[in-house]
Amino acid sequence: MERVYKTMRNAGALNIAAGITMVVLGVAAGVMTIITGAVLLKRKSEIIF
């Protein structure tokens, strides 16, 4: 029975670590998107098709 609890604990810890990683990467991607959009808006007069 103890082995099952250890396995569940490890799985829970892994899920928490994966969730934190996903949140951090999501925030980083969002910030990068906002910055890129701001740069494009700032330089829209320079864009010639």
PDB file of N, CA and C in Angstrom:
ATOM      1  N   MET A   1       0.816  -1.191   0.000  1.00  0.00           N
ATOM      2  CA  MET A   1       0.000   0.000   0.000  1.00  0.00           C
ATOM      3  C   MET A   1       0.868   1.266   0.000  1.00  0.00           C
ATOM      4  N   GLU A   2       1.979   1.222   0.686  1.00  0.00           N
ATOM      5  CA  GLU A   2       2.858   2.392   0.748  1.00  0.00           C
ATOM      6  C   GLU A   2       3.418   2.734  -0.632  1.00  0.00           C
ATOM      7  N   ARG A   3       3.665   1.716  -1.432  1.00  0.00           N
ATOM      8  CA  ARG A   3       4.201   1.938  -2.778  1.00  0.00           C
ATOM      9  C   ARG A   3       3.215   2.725  -3.638  1.00  0.00           C
ATOM     10  N   VAL A   4       1.942   2.451  -3.489  1.00  0.00           N
ATOM     11  CA  VAL A   4       0.910   3.171  -4.235  1.00  0.00           C
ATOM     12  C   VAL A   4       0.905   4.641  -3.838  1.00  0.00           C
ATOM     13  N   TYR A   5       1.020   4.930  -2.544  1.00  0.00           N
ATOM     14  CA  TYR A   5       1.030   6.312  -2.079  1.00  0.00           C
ATOM     15  C   TYR A   5       2.249   7.062  -2.586  1.00  0.00           C
ATOM     16  N   LYS A   6       3.399   6.396  -2.643  1.00  0.00           N
ATOM     17  CA  LYS A   6       4.606   7.043  -3.163  1.00  0.00           C
ATOM     18  C   LYS A   6       4.452   7.358  -4.645  1.00  0.00           C
ATOM     19  N   THR A   7       3.857   6.419  -5.377  1.00  0.00           N
ATOM     20  CA  THR A   7       3.632   6.636  -6.801  1.00  0.00           C
ATOM     21  C   THR A   7       2.673   7.801  -7.028  1.00  0.00           C
ATOM     22  N   MET A   8       1.609   7.852  -6.231  1.00  0.00           N
ATOM     23  CA  MET A   8       0.644   8.947  -6.350  1.00  0.00           C
ATOM     24  C   MET A   8       1.288  10.278  -5.992  1.00  0.00           C
ATOM     25  N   ARG A   9       2.137  10.288  -4.977  1.00  0.00           N
ATOM     26  CA  ARG A   9       2.822  11.522  -4.572  1.00  0.00           C
ATOM     27  C   ARG A   9       3.733  12.014  -5.690  1.00  0.00           C
ATOM     28  N   ASN A  10       4.491  11.100  -6.288  1.00  0.00           N
ATOM     29  CA  ASN A  10       5.388  11.473  -7.378  1.00  0.00           C
ATOM     30  C   ASN A  10       4.620  11.992  -8.592  1.00  0.00           C
ATOM     31  N   ALA A  11       3.504  11.343  -8.900  1.00  0.00           N
ATOM     32  CA  ALA A  11       2.689  11.788 -10.026  1.00  0.00           C
ATOM     33  C   ALA A  11       2.108  13.170  -9.753  1.00  0.00           C
ATOM     34  N   GLY A  12       1.672  13.400  -8.530  1.00  0.00           N
ATOM     35  CA  GLY A  12       1.143  14.716  -8.168  1.00  0.00           C
ATOM     36  C   GLY A  12       2.203  15.796  -8.252  1.00  0.00           C
ATOM     37  N   ALA A  13       3.402  15.497  -7.779  1.00  0.00           N
ATOM     38  CA  ALA A  13       4.490  16.474  -7.846  1.00  0.00           C
ATOM     39  C   ALA A  13       4.855  16.785  -9.288  1.00  0.00           C
ATOM     40  N   LEU A  14       4.878  15.766 -10.123  1.00  0.00           N
ATOM     41  CA  LEU A  14       5.184  15.972 -11.535  1.00  0.00           C
ATOM     42  C   LEU A  14       4.110  16.833 -12.207  1.00  0.00           C
ATOM     43  N   ASN A  15       2.849  16.586 -11.880  1.00  0.00           N
ATOM     44  CA  ASN A  15       1.760  17.380 -12.455  1.00  0.00           C
ATOM     45  C   ASN A  15       1.840  18.837 -12.023  1.00  0.00           C
ATOM     46  N   ILE A  16       2.182  19.078 -10.774  1.00  0.00           N
ATOM     47  CA  ILE A  16       2.324  20.455 -10.303  1.00  0.00           C
ATOM     48  C   ILE A  16       3.478  21.144 -11.024  1.00  0.00           C
ATOM     49  N   ALA A  17       4.606  20.458 -11.156  1.00  0.00           N
ATOM     50  CA  ALA A  17       5.758  21.036 -11.855  1.00  0.00           C
ATOM     51  C   ALA A  17       5.424  21.330 -13.318  1.00  0.00           C
ATOM     52  N   ALA A  18       4.719  20.419 -13.974  1.00  0.00           N
ATOM     53  CA  ALA A  18       4.331  20.632 -15.370  1.00  0.00           C
ATOM     54  C   ALA A  18       3.369  21.815 -15.487  1.00  0.00           C
ATOM     55  N   GLY A  19       2.455  21.937 -14.550  1.00  0.00           N
ATOM     56  CA  GLY A  19       1.515  23.056 -14.577  1.00  0.00           C
ATOM     57  C   GLY A  19       2.212  24.389 -14.406  1.00  0.00           C
ATOM     58  N   ILE A  20       3.148  24.466 -13.480  1.00  0.00           N
ATOM     59  CA  ILE A  20       3.891  25.712 -13.265  1.00  0.00           C
ATOM     60  C   ILE A  20       4.691  26.066 -14.513  1.00  0.00           C
ATOM     61  N   THR A  21       5.314  25.056 -15.119  1.00  0.00           N
ATOM     62  CA  THR A  21       6.081  25.299 -16.344  1.00  0.00           C
ATOM     63  C   THR A  21       5.189  25.837 -17.455  1.00  0.00           C
ATOM     64  N   MET A  22       4.005  25.269 -17.602  1.00  0.00           N
ATOM     65  CA  MET A  22       3.083  25.727 -18.648  1.00  0.00           C
ATOM     66  C   MET A  22       2.620  27.156 -18.398  1.00  0.00           C
ATOM     67  N   VAL A  23       2.362  27.497 -17.150  1.00  0.00           N
ATOM     68  CA  VAL A  23       1.939  28.864 -16.835  1.00  0.00           C
ATOM     69  C   VAL A  23       3.050  29.853 -17.164  1.00  0.00           C
ATOM     70  N   VAL A  24       4.277  29.530 -16.778  1.00  0.00           N
ATOM     71  CA  VAL A  24       5.403  30.427 -17.040  1.00  0.00           C
ATOM     72  C   VAL A  24       5.612  30.606 -18.538  1.00  0.00           C
ATOM     73  N   LEU A  25       5.576  29.513 -19.289  1.00  0.00           N
ATOM     74  CA  LEU A  25       5.752  29.608 -20.739  1.00  0.00           C
ATOM     75  C   LEU A  25       4.604  30.378 -21.395  1.00  0.00           C
ATOM     76  N   GLY A  26       3.391  30.194 -20.897  1.00  0.00           N
ATOM     77  CA  GLY A  26       2.241  30.920 -21.438  1.00  0.00           C
ATOM     78  C   GLY A  26       2.353  32.419 -21.209  1.00  0.00           C
ATOM     79  N   VAL A  27       2.778  32.800 -20.012  1.00  0.00           N
ATOM     80  CA  VAL A  27       2.956  34.227 -19.714  1.00  0.00           C
ATOM     81  C   VAL A  27       4.063  34.811 -20.575  1.00  0.00           C
ATOM     82  N   ALA A  28       5.160  34.083 -20.720  1.00  0.00           N
ATOM     83  CA  ALA A  28       6.274  34.567 -21.543  1.00  0.00           C
ATOM     84  C   ALA A  28       5.835  34.744 -22.999  1.00  0.00           C
ATOM     85  N   ALA A  29       5.083  33.790 -23.518  1.00  0.00           N
ATOM     86  CA  ALA A  29       4.600  33.901 -24.901  1.00  0.00           C
ATOM     87  C   ALA A  29       3.654  35.079 -25.063  1.00  0.00           C
ATOM     88  N   GLY A  30       2.799  35.313 -24.074  1.00  0.00           N
ATOM     89  CA  GLY A  30       1.885  36.445 -24.132  1.00  0.00           C
ATOM     90  C   GLY A  30       2.609  37.781 -24.113  1.00  0.00           C
ATOM     91  N   VAL A  31       3.611  37.898 -23.268  1.00  0.00           N
ATOM     92  CA  VAL A  31       4.388  39.141 -23.193  1.00  0.00           C
ATOM     93  C   VAL A  31       5.125  39.381 -24.504  1.00  0.00           C
ATOM     94  N   MET A  32       5.710  38.330 -25.055  1.00  0.00           N
ATOM     95  CA  MET A  32       6.420  38.482 -26.326  1.00  0.00           C
ATOM     96  C   MET A  32       5.469  38.906 -27.446  1.00  0.00           C
ATOM     97  N   THR A  33       4.256  38.373 -27.452  1.00  0.00           N
ATOM     98  CA  THR A  33       3.275  38.735 -28.469  1.00  0.00           C
ATOM     99  C   THR A  33       2.865  40.197 -28.344  1.00  0.00           C
ATOM    100  N   ILE A  34       2.651  40.659 -27.118  1.00  0.00           N
ATOM    101  CA  ILE A  34       2.276  42.054 -26.900  1.00  0.00           C
ATOM    102  C   ILE A  34       3.393  42.985 -27.342  1.00  0.00           C
ATOM    103  N   ILE A  35       4.622  42.653 -26.997  1.00  0.00           N
ATOM    104  CA  ILE A  35       5.756  43.502 -27.388  1.00  0.00           C
ATOM    105  C   ILE A  35       5.903  43.547 -28.904  1.00  0.00           C
ATOM    106  N   THR A  36       5.775  42.403 -29.560  1.00  0.00           N
ATOM    107  CA  THR A  36       5.887  42.359 -31.019  1.00  0.00           C
ATOM    108  C   THR A  36       4.780  43.176 -31.676  1.00  0.00           C
ATOM    109  N   GLY A  37       3.573  43.062 -31.152  1.00  0.00           N
ATOM    110  CA  GLY A  37       2.467  43.849 -31.696  1.00  0.00           C
ATOM    111  C   GLY A  37       2.681  45.338 -31.518  1.00  0.00           C
ATOM    112  N   ALA A  38       3.219  45.741 -30.369  1.00  0.00           N
ATOM    113  CA  ALA A  38       3.483  47.158 -30.125  1.00  0.00           C
ATOM    114  C   ALA A  38       4.545  47.684 -31.083  1.00  0.00           C
ATOM    115  N   VAL A  39       5.570  46.887 -31.338  1.00  0.00           N
ATOM    116  CA  VAL A  39       6.615  47.313 -32.274  1.00  0.00           C
ATOM    117  C   VAL A  39       6.042  47.451 -33.676  1.00  0.00           C
ATOM    118  N   LEU A  40       5.187  46.527 -34.089  1.00  0.00           N
ATOM    119  CA  LEU A  40       4.567  46.623 -35.414  1.00  0.00           C
ATOM    120  C   LEU A  40       3.691  47.869 -35.534  1.00  0.00           C
ATOM    121  N   LEU A  41       2.918  48.157 -34.496  1.00  0.00           N
ATOM    122  CA  LEU A  41       2.079  49.356 -34.537  1.00  0.00           C
ATOM    123  C   LEU A  41       2.918  50.624 -34.568  1.00  0.00           C
ATOM    124  N   LYS A  42       4.016  50.623 -33.851  1.00  0.00           N
ATOM    125  CA  LYS A  42       4.895  51.797 -33.800  1.00  0.00           C
ATOM    126  C   LYS A  42       5.527  52.059 -35.167  1.00  0.00           C
ATOM    127  N   ARG A  43       5.850  51.001 -35.887  1.00  0.00           N
ATOM    128  CA  ARG A  43       6.555  51.141 -37.160  1.00  0.00           C
ATOM    129  C   ARG A  43       5.647  50.940 -38.377  1.00  0.00           C
ATOM    130  N   LYS A  44       4.339  51.077 -38.214  1.00  0.00           N
ATOM    131  CA  LYS A  44       3.448  50.783 -39.341  1.00  0.00           C
ATOM    132  C   LYS A  44       3.615  51.781 -40.475  1.00  0.00           C
ATOM    133  N   SER A  45       4.100  52.986 -40.179  1.00  0.00           N
ATOM    134  CA  SER A  45       4.299  53.960 -41.245  1.00  0.00           C
ATOM    135  C   SER A  45       5.507  53.604 -42.106  1.00  0.00           C
ATOM    136  N   GLU A  46       6.389  52.790 -41.610  1.00  0.00           N
ATOM    137  CA  GLU A  46       7.582  52.376 -42.338  1.00  0.00           C
ATOM    138  C   GLU A  46       7.334  51.180 -43.249  1.00  0.00           C
ATOM    139  N   ILE A  47       6.193  50.513 -43.070  1.00  0.00           N
ATOM    140  CA  ILE A  47       5.908  49.314 -43.852  1.00  0.00           C
ATOM    141  C   ILE A  47       5.348  49.709 -45.213  1.00  0.00           C
ATOM    142  N   ILE A  48       6.011  49.243 -46.257  1.00  0.00           N
ATOM    143  CA  ILE A  48       5.591  49.538 -47.626  1.00  0.00           C
ATOM    144  C   ILE A  48       5.364  48.214 -48.341  1.00  0.00           C
ATOM    145  N   PHE A  49       4.219  48.100 -48.991  1.00  0.00           N
ATOM    146  CA  PHE A  49       3.911  46.878 -49.736  1.00  0.00           C
ATOM    147  C   PHE A  49       4.201  47.054 -51.190  1.00  0.00           C
TER     148      PHE A  49
END
